[in-house]
Amino acid sequence: MVREAAETLKKSVLWDLLTTVDHKKIAVLYLLAGTLFFGKAG
């Protein structure tokens, strides 16, 4: 039961981040994406 709740929480957090219109969350996602691609490019 706890495992199912954890999986549901992970899915809901991911869904929340992908569908957010909150400018602060979008800024964090933007910075994370920029850092990821900057690190990959090298």
C-alpha atoms as a PDB file:
ATOM      1  CA  MET A   1       0.000   0.000   0.000  1.00  0.00           C
ATOM      2  CA  VAL A   2       2.809   2.410   0.813  1.00  0.00           C
ATOM      3  CA  ARG A   3       4.558   1.547  -2.437  1.00  0.00           C
ATOM      4  CA  GLU A   4       1.444   2.344  -4.453  1.00  0.00           C
ATOM      5  CA  ALA A   5       1.085   5.654  -2.649  1.00  0.00           C
ATOM      6  CA  ALA A   6       4.706   6.522  -3.403  1.00  0.00           C
ATOM      7  CA  GLU A   7       4.257   5.705  -7.092  1.00  0.00           C
ATOM      8  CA  THR A   8       1.078   7.773  -7.235  1.00  0.00           C
ATOM      9  CA  LEU A   9       2.868  10.658  -5.538  1.00  0.00           C
ATOM     10  CA  LYS A  10       5.741  10.472  -8.042  1.00  0.00           C
ATOM     11  CA  LYS A  11       3.307  10.499 -10.941  1.00  0.00           C
ATOM     12  CA  SER A  12       1.336  13.401  -9.507  1.00  0.00           C
ATOM     13  CA  VAL A  13       4.487  15.452  -8.854  1.00  0.00           C
ATOM     14  CA  LEU A  14       5.743  14.815 -12.383  1.00  0.00           C
ATOM     15  CA  TRP A  15       2.352  15.647 -13.849  1.00  0.00           C
ATOM     16  CA  ASP A  16       2.222  18.811 -11.728  1.00  0.00           C
ATOM     17  CA  LEU A  17       5.622  19.937 -12.999  1.00  0.00           C
ATOM     18  CA  LEU A  18       4.810  19.200 -16.630  1.00  0.00           C
ATOM     19  CA  THR A  19       1.445  20.961 -16.604  1.00  0.00           C
ATOM     20  CA  THR A  20       2.192  23.889 -14.310  1.00  0.00           C
ATOM     21  CA  VAL A  21       1.521  27.515 -15.129  1.00  0.00           C
ATOM     22  CA  ASP A  22       3.258  28.731 -11.961  1.00  0.00           C
ATOM     23  CA  HIS A  23       6.068  31.020 -13.067  1.00  0.00           C
ATOM     24  CA  LYS A  24       8.352  29.985 -10.199  1.00  0.00           C
ATOM     25  CA  LYS A  25       8.136  26.279 -11.073  1.00  0.00           C
ATOM     26  CA  ILE A  26       8.667  27.089 -14.744  1.00  0.00           C
ATOM     27  CA  ALA A  27      11.785  29.087 -13.841  1.00  0.00           C
ATOM     28  CA  VAL A  28      13.209  26.166 -11.866  1.00  0.00           C
ATOM     29  CA  LEU A  29      12.506  23.771 -14.744  1.00  0.00           C
ATOM     30  CA  TYR A  30      14.110  26.232 -17.175  1.00  0.00           C
ATOM     31  CA  LEU A  31      17.246  26.495 -15.033  1.00  0.00           C
ATOM     32  CA  LEU A  32      17.471  22.724 -14.614  1.00  0.00           C
ATOM     33  CA  ALA A  33      17.085  22.158 -18.342  1.00  0.00           C
ATOM     34  CA  GLY A  34      19.707  24.818 -19.132  1.00  0.00           C
ATOM     35  CA  THR A  35      22.146  23.306 -16.657  1.00  0.00           C
ATOM     36  CA  LEU A  36      21.556  19.811 -18.018  1.00  0.00           C
ATOM     37  CA  PHE A  37      22.155  20.836 -21.627  1.00  0.00           C
ATOM     38  CA  PHE A  38      25.141  23.017 -20.705  1.00  0.00           C
ATOM     39  CA  GLY A  39      26.690  20.063 -18.896  1.00  0.00           C
ATOM     40  CA  LYS A  40      25.974  17.737 -21.811  1.00  0.00           C
ATOM     41  CA  ALA A  41      27.472  20.138 -24.346  1.00  0.00           C
ATOM     42  CA  GLY A  42      30.484  20.367 -22.282  1.00  0.00           C
END
